[in-house]
């Protein structure tokens, strides 16, 4: 959480969205380790309490970040929140993601 929020401040993202992505990203791990990123994203998607805090489009961005955070996933995360989450989760710098994207 701490690493993600440090990166979030550096890249000027919505910290509430980032915090939520980090809080939910492994929540499905105890249900299905092999597919925990999908399970966690589904749990977030079904959490109607979050509708008080986020627009539908923001929840979609958070969901994508959760789905994309897994280190074994091929390809880049679809959004900055996924890049930050993946980076903080496996302690790889986000600069690596950006270098790959723009090289």
PDB file of N, CA and C in Angstrom:
ATOM      1  N   UNK A   1       0.831  -1.183   0.000  1.00  0.00           N
ATOM      2  CA  UNK A   1       0.000   0.000   0.000  1.00  0.00           C
ATOM      3  C   UNK A   1       0.879   1.250   0.000  1.00  0.00           C
ATOM      4  N   UNK A   2       1.863   1.252   0.881  1.00  0.00           N
ATOM      5  CA  UNK A   2       2.727   2.424   1.002  1.00  0.00           C
ATOM      6  C   UNK A   2       3.441   2.725  -0.316  1.00  0.00           C
ATOM      7  N   UNK A   3       4.033   1.711  -0.930  1.00  0.00           N
ATOM      8  CA  UNK A   3       4.745   1.915  -2.198  1.00  0.00           C
ATOM      9  C   UNK A   3       3.811   2.402  -3.293  1.00  0.00           C
ATOM     10  N   UNK A   4       2.627   1.838  -3.345  1.00  0.00           N
ATOM     11  CA  UNK A   4       1.664   2.251  -4.368  1.00  0.00           C
ATOM     12  C   UNK A   4       1.258   3.708  -4.181  1.00  0.00           C
ATOM     13  N   UNK A   5       1.011   4.114  -2.953  1.00  0.00           N
ATOM     14  CA  UNK A   5       0.590   5.491  -2.710  1.00  0.00           C
ATOM     15  C   UNK A   5       1.717   6.486  -2.968  1.00  0.00           C
ATOM     16  N   UNK A   6       2.938   6.093  -2.688  1.00  0.00           N
ATOM     17  CA  UNK A   6       4.083   6.948  -3.022  1.00  0.00           C
ATOM     18  C   UNK A   6       4.142   7.161  -4.533  1.00  0.00           C
ATOM     19  N   UNK A   7       4.005   6.072  -5.290  1.00  0.00           N
ATOM     20  CA  UNK A   7       3.999   6.180  -6.753  1.00  0.00           C
ATOM     21  C   UNK A   7       2.793   6.966  -7.249  1.00  0.00           C
ATOM     22  N   UNK A   8       1.655   6.743  -6.611  1.00  0.00           N
ATOM     23  CA  UNK A   8       0.440   7.460  -7.001  1.00  0.00           C
ATOM     24  C   UNK A   8       0.586   8.962  -6.846  1.00  0.00           C
ATOM     25  N   UNK A   9       1.207   9.383  -5.769  1.00  0.00           N
ATOM     26  CA  UNK A   9       1.454  10.819  -5.574  1.00  0.00           C
ATOM     27  C   UNK A   9       2.428  11.341  -6.620  1.00  0.00           C
ATOM     28  N   UNK A  10       3.449  10.552  -6.904  1.00  0.00           N
ATOM     29  CA  UNK A  10       4.445  10.962  -7.895  1.00  0.00           C
ATOM     30  C   UNK A  10       3.819  11.152  -9.272  1.00  0.00           C
ATOM     31  N   UNK A  11       2.890  10.273  -9.638  1.00  0.00           N
ATOM     32  CA  UNK A  11       2.277  10.328 -10.958  1.00  0.00           C
ATOM     33  C   UNK A  11       0.906  11.010 -10.952  1.00  0.00           C
ATOM     34  N   UNK A  12       0.571  11.625  -9.816  1.00  0.00           N
ATOM     35  CA  UNK A  12      -0.610  12.481  -9.711  1.00  0.00           C
ATOM     36  C   UNK A  12      -1.899  11.786 -10.152  1.00  0.00           C
ATOM     37  N   UNK A  13      -2.132  10.586  -9.620  1.00  0.00           N
ATOM     38  CA  UNK A  13      -3.365   9.865  -9.927  1.00  0.00           C
ATOM     39  C   UNK A  13      -4.369  10.051  -8.787  1.00  0.00           C
ATOM     40  N   UNK A  14      -5.582   9.627  -9.012  1.00  0.00           N
ATOM     41  CA  UNK A  14      -6.620   9.677  -7.989  1.00  0.00           C
ATOM     42  C   UNK A  14      -6.257   8.643  -6.915  1.00  0.00           C
ATOM     43  N   UNK A  15      -5.855   9.125  -5.755  1.00  0.00           N
ATOM     44  CA  UNK A  15      -5.379   8.228  -4.695  1.00  0.00           C
ATOM     45  C   UNK A  15      -6.493   7.367  -4.116  1.00  0.00           C
ATOM     46  N   UNK A  16      -7.727   7.836  -4.157  1.00  0.00           N
ATOM     47  CA  UNK A  16      -8.843   7.015  -3.690  1.00  0.00           C
ATOM     48  C   UNK A  16      -9.025   5.792  -4.590  1.00  0.00           C
ATOM     49  N   UNK A  17      -8.914   6.006  -5.893  1.00  0.00           N
ATOM     50  CA  UNK A  17      -9.024   4.891  -6.832  1.00  0.00           C
ATOM     51  C   UNK A  17      -7.856   3.924  -6.639  1.00  0.00           C
ATOM     52  N   UNK A  18      -6.670   4.462  -6.493  1.00  0.00           N
ATOM     53  CA  UNK A  18      -5.492   3.619  -6.318  1.00  0.00           C
ATOM     54  C   UNK A  18      -5.573   2.831  -5.023  1.00  0.00           C
ATOM     55  N   UNK A  19      -5.954   3.484  -3.940  1.00  0.00           N
ATOM     56  CA  UNK A  19      -6.087   2.818  -2.648  1.00  0.00           C
ATOM     57  C   UNK A  19      -7.075   1.652  -2.764  1.00  0.00           C
ATOM     58  N   UNK A  20      -8.178   1.890  -3.443  1.00  0.00           N
ATOM     59  CA  UNK A  20      -9.199   0.848  -3.605  1.00  0.00           C
ATOM     60  C   UNK A  20      -8.652  -0.325  -4.419  1.00  0.00           C
ATOM     61  N   UNK A  21      -7.931  -0.034  -5.492  1.00  0.00           N
ATOM     62  CA  UNK A  21      -7.334  -1.102  -6.298  1.00  0.00           C
ATOM     63  C   UNK A  21      -6.364  -1.933  -5.464  1.00  0.00           C
ATOM     64  N   UNK A  22      -5.553  -1.273  -4.678  1.00  0.00           N
ATOM     65  CA  UNK A  22      -4.579  -1.981  -3.839  1.00  0.00           C
ATOM     66  C   UNK A  22      -5.308  -2.808  -2.772  1.00  0.00           C
ATOM     67  N   UNK A  23      -6.331  -2.228  -2.166  1.00  0.00           N
ATOM     68  CA  UNK A  23      -7.064  -2.930  -1.112  1.00  0.00           C
ATOM     69  C   UNK A  23      -7.755  -4.193  -1.625  1.00  0.00           C
ATOM     70  N   UNK A  24      -8.226  -4.160  -2.860  1.00  0.00           N
ATOM     71  CA  UNK A  24      -8.971  -5.289  -3.420  1.00  0.00           C
ATOM     72  C   UNK A  24      -8.109  -6.269  -4.213  1.00  0.00           C
ATOM     73  N   UNK A  25      -6.896  -5.932  -4.568  1.00  0.00           N
ATOM     74  CA  UNK A  25      -6.181  -6.695  -5.587  1.00  0.00           C
ATOM     75  C   UNK A  25      -5.915  -8.159  -5.248  1.00  0.00           C
ATOM     76  N   UNK A  26      -5.782  -8.502  -3.998  1.00  0.00           N
ATOM     77  CA  UNK A  26      -5.557  -9.903  -3.621  1.00  0.00           C
ATOM     78  C   UNK A  26      -6.680 -10.477  -2.760  1.00  0.00           C
ATOM     79  N   UNK A  27      -7.796  -9.790  -2.701  1.00  0.00           N
ATOM     80  CA  UNK A  27      -8.880 -10.209  -1.822  1.00  0.00           C
ATOM     81  C   UNK A  27      -9.450 -11.581  -2.204  1.00  0.00           C
ATOM     82  N   UNK A  28      -9.336 -11.959  -3.460  1.00  0.00           N
ATOM     83  CA  UNK A  28      -9.842 -13.257  -3.914  1.00  0.00           C
ATOM     84  C   UNK A  28      -8.828 -14.382  -3.825  1.00  0.00           C
ATOM     85  N   UNK A  29      -7.661 -14.077  -3.297  1.00  0.00           N
ATOM     86  CA  UNK A  29      -6.570 -15.056  -3.235  1.00  0.00           C
ATOM     87  C   UNK A  29      -6.964 -16.321  -2.464  1.00  0.00           C
ATOM     88  N   UNK A  30      -7.673 -16.167  -1.390  1.00  0.00           N
ATOM     89  CA  UNK A  30      -8.053 -17.332  -0.567  1.00  0.00           C
ATOM     90  C   UNK A  30      -9.152 -18.183  -1.215  1.00  0.00           C
ATOM     91  N   UNK A  31      -9.816 -17.636  -2.216  1.00  0.00           N
ATOM     92  CA  UNK A  31     -10.868 -18.378  -2.911  1.00  0.00           C
ATOM     93  C   UNK A  31     -10.340 -19.168  -4.098  1.00  0.00           C
ATOM     94  N   UNK A  32      -9.386 -18.569  -4.816  1.00  0.00           N
ATOM     95  CA  UNK A  32      -8.850 -19.216  -6.011  1.00  0.00           C
ATOM     96  C   UNK A  32      -7.490 -18.598  -6.333  1.00  0.00           C
ATOM     97  N   UNK A  33      -6.430 -19.195  -5.821  1.00  0.00           N
ATOM     98  CA  UNK A  33      -5.086 -18.635  -5.980  1.00  0.00           C
ATOM     99  C   UNK A  33      -4.707 -18.474  -7.453  1.00  0.00           C
ATOM    100  N   UNK A  34      -5.036 -19.454  -8.268  1.00  0.00           N
ATOM    101  CA  UNK A  34      -4.648 -19.426  -9.677  1.00  0.00           C
ATOM    102  C   UNK A  34      -5.324 -18.310 -10.469  1.00  0.00           C
ATOM    103  N   UNK A  35      -6.507 -17.920 -10.045  1.00  0.00           N
ATOM    104  CA  UNK A  35      -7.273 -16.894 -10.760  1.00  0.00           C
ATOM    105  C   UNK A  35      -7.646 -15.731  -9.844  1.00  0.00           C
ATOM    106  N   UNK A  36      -6.830 -15.498  -8.838  1.00  0.00           N
ATOM    107  CA  UNK A  36      -7.213 -14.525  -7.817  1.00  0.00           C
ATOM    108  C   UNK A  36      -7.430 -13.123  -8.366  1.00  0.00           C
ATOM    109  N   UNK A  37      -6.732 -12.747  -9.417  1.00  0.00           N
ATOM    110  CA  UNK A  37      -6.915 -11.404  -9.964  1.00  0.00           C
ATOM    111  C   UNK A  37      -8.301 -11.244 -10.577  1.00  0.00           C
ATOM    112  N   UNK A  38      -8.820 -12.302 -11.195  1.00  0.00           N
ATOM    113  CA  UNK A  38     -10.170 -12.263 -11.773  1.00  0.00           C
ATOM    114  C   UNK A  38     -11.225 -12.283 -10.668  1.00  0.00           C
ATOM    115  N   UNK A  39     -11.011 -13.139  -9.673  1.00  0.00           N
ATOM    116  CA  UNK A  39     -11.940 -13.236  -8.548  1.00  0.00           C
ATOM    117  C   UNK A  39     -11.982 -11.913  -7.785  1.00  0.00           C
ATOM    118  N   UNK A  40     -10.823 -11.332  -7.543  1.00  0.00           N
ATOM    119  CA  UNK A  40     -10.753 -10.048  -6.827  1.00  0.00           C
ATOM    120  C   UNK A  40     -11.475  -8.957  -7.610  1.00  0.00           C
ATOM    121  N   UNK A  41     -11.287  -8.936  -8.919  1.00  0.00           N
ATOM    122  CA  UNK A  41     -11.953  -7.936  -9.763  1.00  0.00           C
ATOM    123  C   UNK A  41     -13.470  -8.122  -9.737  1.00  0.00           C
ATOM    124  N   UNK A  42     -13.931  -9.371  -9.704  1.00  0.00           N
ATOM    125  CA  UNK A  42     -15.370  -9.636  -9.640  1.00  0.00           C
ATOM    126  C   UNK A  42     -15.949  -9.186  -8.301  1.00  0.00           C
ATOM    127  N   UNK A  43     -15.201  -9.404  -7.227  1.00  0.00           N
ATOM    128  CA  UNK A  43     -15.657  -8.962  -5.908  1.00  0.00           C
ATOM    129  C   UNK A  43     -15.807  -7.446  -5.897  1.00  0.00           C
ATOM    130  N   UNK A  44     -14.822  -6.750  -6.442  1.00  0.00           N
ATOM    131  CA  UNK A  44     -14.907  -5.286  -6.531  1.00  0.00           C
ATOM    132  C   UNK A  44     -16.114  -4.874  -7.350  1.00  0.00           C
ATOM    133  N   UNK A  45     -16.286  -5.497  -8.496  1.00  0.00           N
ATOM    134  CA  UNK A  45     -17.369  -5.140  -9.413  1.00  0.00           C
ATOM    135  C   UNK A  45     -18.739  -5.296  -8.746  1.00  0.00           C
ATOM    136  N   UNK A  46     -18.893  -6.313  -7.910  1.00  0.00           N
ATOM    137  CA  UNK A  46     -20.170  -6.581  -7.254  1.00  0.00           C
ATOM    138  C   UNK A  46     -20.395  -5.743  -5.992  1.00  0.00           C
ATOM    139  N   UNK A  47     -19.373  -5.066  -5.524  1.00  0.00           N
ATOM    140  CA  UNK A  47     -19.484  -4.273  -4.299  1.00  0.00           C
ATOM    141  C   UNK A  47     -20.228  -2.968  -4.596  1.00  0.00           C
ATOM    142  N   UNK A  48     -21.524  -2.974  -4.349  1.00  0.00           N
ATOM    143  CA  UNK A  48     -22.357  -1.819  -4.650  1.00  0.00           C
ATOM    144  C   UNK A  48     -22.087  -0.643  -3.726  1.00  0.00           C
ATOM    145  N   UNK A  49     -21.490  -0.873  -2.579  1.00  0.00           N
ATOM    146  CA  UNK A  49     -21.153   0.223  -1.674  1.00  0.00           C
ATOM    147  C   UNK A  49     -20.174   1.192  -2.333  1.00  0.00           C
ATOM    148  N   UNK A  50     -19.347   0.689  -3.236  1.00  0.00           N
ATOM    149  CA  UNK A  50     -18.378   1.544  -3.926  1.00  0.00           C
ATOM    150  C   UNK A  50     -19.044   2.529  -4.888  1.00  0.00           C
ATOM    151  N   UNK A  51     -20.289   2.250  -5.248  1.00  0.00           N
ATOM    152  CA  UNK A  51     -21.009   3.150  -6.158  1.00  0.00           C
ATOM    153  C   UNK A  51     -21.248   4.523  -5.525  1.00  0.00           C
ATOM    154  N   UNK A  52     -21.157   4.607  -4.204  1.00  0.00           N
ATOM    155  CA  UNK A  52     -21.296   5.891  -3.519  1.00  0.00           C
ATOM    156  C   UNK A  52     -20.059   6.767  -3.715  1.00  0.00           C
ATOM    157  N   UNK A  53     -18.949   6.138  -4.063  1.00  0.00           N
ATOM    158  CA  UNK A  53     -17.673   6.846  -4.117  1.00  0.00           C
ATOM    159  C   UNK A  53     -17.100   7.000  -5.522  1.00  0.00           C
ATOM    160  N   UNK A  54     -17.496   6.105  -6.428  1.00  0.00           N
ATOM    161  CA  UNK A  54     -16.904   6.101  -7.761  1.00  0.00           C
ATOM    162  C   UNK A  54     -17.968   6.039  -8.840  1.00  0.00           C
ATOM    163  N   UNK A  55     -17.677   6.704  -9.949  1.00  0.00           N
ATOM    164  CA  UNK A  55     -18.503   6.546 -11.133  1.00  0.00           C
ATOM    165  C   UNK A  55     -18.265   5.150 -11.704  1.00  0.00           C
ATOM    166  N   UNK A  56     -19.190   4.703 -12.530  1.00  0.00           N
ATOM    167  CA  UNK A  56     -19.059   3.390 -13.171  1.00  0.00           C
ATOM    168  C   UNK A  56     -17.748   3.291 -13.953  1.00  0.00           C
ATOM    169  N   UNK A  57     -17.389   4.343 -14.659  1.00  0.00           N
ATOM    170  CA  UNK A  57     -16.145   4.346 -15.446  1.00  0.00           C
ATOM    171  C   UNK A  57     -14.911   4.240 -14.549  1.00  0.00           C
ATOM    172  N   UNK A  58     -14.960   4.849 -13.381  1.00  0.00           N
ATOM    173  CA  UNK A  58     -13.832   4.756 -12.446  1.00  0.00           C
ATOM    174  C   UNK A  58     -13.712   3.341 -11.881  1.00  0.00           C
ATOM    175  N   UNK A  59     -14.860   2.726 -11.561  1.00  0.00           N
ATOM    176  CA  UNK A  59     -14.832   1.338 -11.090  1.00  0.00           C
ATOM    177  C   UNK A  59     -14.256   0.415 -12.159  1.00  0.00           C
ATOM    178  N   UNK A  60     -14.550   0.695 -13.418  1.00  0.00           N
ATOM    179  CA  UNK A  60     -14.010  -0.121 -14.515  1.00  0.00           C
ATOM    180  C   UNK A  60     -12.486   0.000 -14.572  1.00  0.00           C
ATOM    181  N   UNK A  61     -11.964   1.195 -14.397  1.00  0.00           N
ATOM    182  CA  UNK A  61     -10.514   1.411 -14.393  1.00  0.00           C
ATOM    183  C   UNK A  61      -9.881   0.646 -13.233  1.00  0.00           C
ATOM    184  N   UNK A  62     -10.495   0.715 -12.066  1.00  0.00           N
ATOM    185  CA  UNK A  62      -9.983  -0.007 -10.894  1.00  0.00           C
ATOM    186  C   UNK A  62     -10.013  -1.508 -11.156  1.00  0.00           C
ATOM    187  N   UNK A  63     -11.110  -1.991 -11.718  1.00  0.00           N
ATOM    188  CA  UNK A  63     -11.254  -3.421 -12.041  1.00  0.00           C
ATOM    189  C   UNK A  63     -10.151  -3.872 -12.993  1.00  0.00           C
ATOM    190  N   UNK A  64      -9.897  -3.091 -14.017  1.00  0.00           N
ATOM    191  CA  UNK A  64      -8.835  -3.439 -14.973  1.00  0.00           C
ATOM    192  C   UNK A  64      -7.470  -3.472 -14.296  1.00  0.00           C
ATOM    193  N   UNK A  65      -7.235  -2.532 -13.400  1.00  0.00           N
ATOM    194  CA  UNK A  65      -5.956  -2.508 -12.678  1.00  0.00           C
ATOM    195  C   UNK A  65      -5.776  -3.778 -11.862  1.00  0.00           C
ATOM    196  N   UNK A  66      -6.836  -4.220 -11.216  1.00  0.00           N
ATOM    197  CA  UNK A  66      -6.774  -5.447 -10.416  1.00  0.00           C
ATOM    198  C   UNK A  66      -6.533  -6.654 -11.320  1.00  0.00           C
ATOM    199  N   UNK A  67      -7.242  -6.731 -12.420  1.00  0.00           N
ATOM    200  CA  UNK A  67      -7.077  -7.848 -13.352  1.00  0.00           C
ATOM    201  C   UNK A  67      -5.664  -7.902 -13.919  1.00  0.00           C
ATOM    202  N   UNK A  68      -5.054  -6.744 -14.116  1.00  0.00           N
ATOM    203  CA  UNK A  68      -3.765  -6.662 -14.801  1.00  0.00           C
ATOM    204  C   UNK A  68      -2.552  -6.723 -13.879  1.00  0.00           C
ATOM    205  N   UNK A  69      -2.743  -6.758 -12.578  1.00  0.00           N
ATOM    206  CA  UNK A  69      -1.595  -6.647 -11.666  1.00  0.00           C
ATOM    207  C   UNK A  69      -0.729  -7.895 -11.581  1.00  0.00           C
ATOM    208  N   UNK A  70      -1.242  -9.018 -11.966  1.00  0.00           N
ATOM    209  CA  UNK A  70      -0.541 -10.289 -11.758  1.00  0.00           C
ATOM    210  C   UNK A  70       0.772 -10.350 -12.534  1.00  0.00           C
ATOM    211  N   UNK A  71       1.836 -10.746 -11.850  1.00  0.00           N
ATOM    212  CA  UNK A  71       3.168 -10.748 -12.469  1.00  0.00           C
ATOM    213  C   UNK A  71       3.294 -11.744 -13.612  1.00  0.00           C
ATOM    214  N   UNK A  72       2.511 -12.807 -13.599  1.00  0.00           N
ATOM    215  CA  UNK A  72       2.597 -13.799 -14.671  1.00  0.00           C
ATOM    216  C   UNK A  72       1.799 -13.391 -15.910  1.00  0.00           C
ATOM    217  N   UNK A  73       1.054 -12.298 -15.818  1.00  0.00           N
ATOM    218  CA  UNK A  73       0.268 -11.833 -16.965  1.00  0.00           C
ATOM    219  C   UNK A  73       1.206 -11.302 -18.044  1.00  0.00           C
ATOM    220  N   UNK A  74       0.935 -11.662 -19.253  1.00  0.00           N
ATOM    221  CA  UNK A  74       1.742 -11.142 -20.358  1.00  0.00           C
ATOM    222  C   UNK A  74       1.159  -9.807 -20.804  1.00  0.00           C
ATOM    223  N   UNK A  75       2.013  -8.930 -21.249  1.00  0.00           N
ATOM    224  CA  UNK A  75       1.568  -7.625 -21.711  1.00  0.00           C
ATOM    225  C   UNK A  75       1.533  -6.600 -20.593  1.00  0.00           C
ATOM    226  N   UNK A  76       1.381  -5.374 -21.007  1.00  0.00           N
ATOM    227  CA  UNK A  76       1.354  -4.246 -20.078  1.00  0.00           C
ATOM    228  C   UNK A  76      -0.032  -4.085 -19.458  1.00  0.00           C
ATOM    229  N   UNK A  77      -0.096  -3.604 -18.228  1.00  0.00           N
ATOM    230  CA  UNK A  77      -1.402  -3.234 -17.671  1.00  0.00           C
ATOM    231  C   UNK A  77      -2.066  -2.167 -18.539  1.00  0.00           C
ATOM    232  N   UNK A  78      -3.377  -2.173 -18.561  1.00  0.00           N
ATOM    233  CA  UNK A  78      -4.139  -1.290 -19.452  1.00  0.00           C
ATOM    234  C   UNK A  78      -4.173   0.166 -19.012  1.00  0.00           C
ATOM    235  N   UNK A  79      -3.877   0.440 -17.756  1.00  0.00           N
ATOM    236  CA  UNK A  79      -3.949   1.825 -17.301  1.00  0.00           C
ATOM    237  C   UNK A  79      -2.879   2.104 -16.254  1.00  0.00           C
ATOM    238  N   UNK A  80      -2.725   3.370 -15.914  1.00  0.00           N
ATOM    239  CA  UNK A  80      -1.694   3.794 -14.971  1.00  0.00           C
ATOM    240  C   UNK A  80      -1.884   3.150 -13.599  1.00  0.00           C
ATOM    241  N   UNK A  81      -3.123   2.925 -13.200  1.00  0.00           N
ATOM    242  CA  UNK A  81      -3.385   2.303 -11.909  1.00  0.00           C
ATOM    243  C   UNK A  81      -2.879   0.862 -11.896  1.00  0.00           C
ATOM    244  N   UNK A  82      -3.080   0.157 -12.988  1.00  0.00           N
ATOM    245  CA  UNK A  82      -2.557  -1.203 -13.108  1.00  0.00           C
ATOM    246  C   UNK A  82      -1.047  -1.225 -13.116  1.00  0.00           C
ATOM    247  N   UNK A  83      -0.442  -0.244 -13.763  1.00  0.00           N
ATOM    248  CA  UNK A  83       1.022  -0.162 -13.794  1.00  0.00           C
ATOM    249  C   UNK A  83       1.577   0.108 -12.405  1.00  0.00           C
ATOM    250  N   UNK A  84       0.949   1.017 -11.694  1.00  0.00           N
ATOM    251  CA  UNK A  84       1.399   1.315 -10.335  1.00  0.00           C
ATOM    252  C   UNK A  84       1.187   0.112  -9.431  1.00  0.00           C
ATOM    253  N   UNK A  85       0.023  -0.506  -9.504  1.00  0.00           N
ATOM    254  CA  UNK A  85      -0.286  -1.667  -8.669  1.00  0.00           C
ATOM    255  C   UNK A  85       0.675  -2.815  -8.937  1.00  0.00           C
ATOM    256  N   UNK A  86       0.899  -3.125 -10.201  1.00  0.00           N
ATOM    257  CA  UNK A  86       1.821  -4.211 -10.545  1.00  0.00           C
ATOM    258  C   UNK A  86       3.230  -3.894 -10.067  1.00  0.00           C
ATOM    259  N   UNK A  87       3.635  -2.661 -10.246  1.00  0.00           N
ATOM    260  CA  UNK A  87       4.968  -2.235  -9.839  1.00  0.00           C
ATOM    261  C   UNK A  87       5.136  -2.341  -8.325  1.00  0.00           C
ATOM    262  N   UNK A  88       4.186  -1.820  -7.587  1.00  0.00           N
ATOM    263  CA  UNK A  88       4.268  -1.854  -6.121  1.00  0.00           C
ATOM    264  C   UNK A  88       4.154  -3.283  -5.601  1.00  0.00           C
ATOM    265  N   UNK A  89       3.358  -4.098  -6.279  1.00  0.00           N
ATOM    266  CA  UNK A  89       3.139  -5.479  -5.832  1.00  0.00           C
ATOM    267  C   UNK A  89       4.381  -6.341  -6.002  1.00  0.00           C
ATOM    268  N   UNK A  90       5.140  -6.099  -7.041  1.00  0.00           N
ATOM    269  CA  UNK A  90       6.341  -6.913  -7.252  1.00  0.00           C
ATOM    270  C   UNK A  90       7.622  -6.094  -7.111  1.00  0.00           C
ATOM    271  N   UNK A  91       7.486  -4.920  -6.545  1.00  0.00           N
ATOM    272  CA  UNK A  91       8.608  -4.013  -6.281  1.00  0.00           C
ATOM    273  C   UNK A  91       9.527  -3.807  -7.485  1.00  0.00           C
ATOM    274  N   UNK A  92       8.932  -3.627  -8.638  1.00  0.00           N
ATOM    275  CA  UNK A  92       9.650  -3.223  -9.836  1.00  0.00           C
ATOM    276  C   UNK A  92       9.244  -1.775 -10.078  1.00  0.00           C
ATOM    277  N   UNK A  93      10.153  -0.959 -10.501  1.00  0.00           N
ATOM    278  CA  UNK A  93       9.823   0.453 -10.654  1.00  0.00           C
ATOM    279  C   UNK A  93       8.899   0.684 -11.833  1.00  0.00           C
ATOM    280  N   UNK A  94       8.042   1.658 -11.694  1.00  0.00           N
ATOM    281  CA  UNK A  94       7.120   2.005 -12.775  1.00  0.00           C
ATOM    282  C   UNK A  94       7.872   2.584 -13.971  1.00  0.00           C
ATOM    283  N   UNK A  95       9.065   3.129 -13.709  1.00  0.00           N
ATOM    284  CA  UNK A  95       9.855   3.661 -14.809  1.00  0.00           C
ATOM    285  C   UNK A  95      10.143   2.588 -15.860  1.00  0.00           C
ATOM    286  N   UNK A  96      10.301   1.346 -15.413  1.00  0.00           N
ATOM    287  CA  UNK A  96      10.522   0.237 -16.342  1.00  0.00           C
ATOM    288  C   UNK A  96       9.317   0.092 -17.270  1.00  0.00           C
ATOM    289  N   UNK A  97       8.097   0.183 -16.723  1.00  0.00           N
ATOM    290  CA  UNK A  97       6.902   0.097 -17.552  1.00  0.00           C
ATOM    291  C   UNK A  97       6.892   1.199 -18.604  1.00  0.00           C
ATOM    292  N   UNK A  98       7.212   2.420 -18.174  1.00  0.00           N
ATOM    293  CA  UNK A  98       7.178   3.533 -19.111  1.00  0.00           C
ATOM    294  C   UNK A  98       8.272   3.443 -20.151  1.00  0.00           C
ATOM    295  N   UNK A  99       9.441   2.976 -19.767  1.00  0.00           N
ATOM    296  CA  UNK A  99      10.519   2.810 -20.748  1.00  0.00           C
ATOM    297  C   UNK A  99      10.120   1.794 -21.812  1.00  0.00           C
ATOM    298  N   UNK A 100       9.518   0.698 -21.386  1.00  0.00           N
ATOM    299  CA  UNK A 100       9.074  -0.318 -22.341  1.00  0.00           C
ATOM    300  C   UNK A 100       8.015   0.229 -23.269  1.00  0.00           C
ATOM    301  N   UNK A 101       7.132   1.054 -22.724  1.00  0.00           N
ATOM    302  CA  UNK A 101       6.023   1.609 -23.505  1.00  0.00           C
ATOM    303  C   UNK A 101       6.524   2.594 -24.554  1.00  0.00           C
ATOM    304  N   UNK A 102       7.494   3.416 -24.190  1.00  0.00           N
ATOM    305  CA  UNK A 102       7.928   4.489 -25.074  1.00  0.00           C
ATOM    306  C   UNK A 102       9.220   4.197 -25.835  1.00  0.00           C
ATOM    307  N   UNK A 103       9.829   3.057 -25.635  1.00  0.00           N
ATOM    308  CA  UNK A 103      11.055   2.704 -26.387  1.00  0.00           C
ATOM    309  C   UNK A 103      10.721   2.112 -27.727  1.00  0.00           C
TER     310      UNK A 103
END
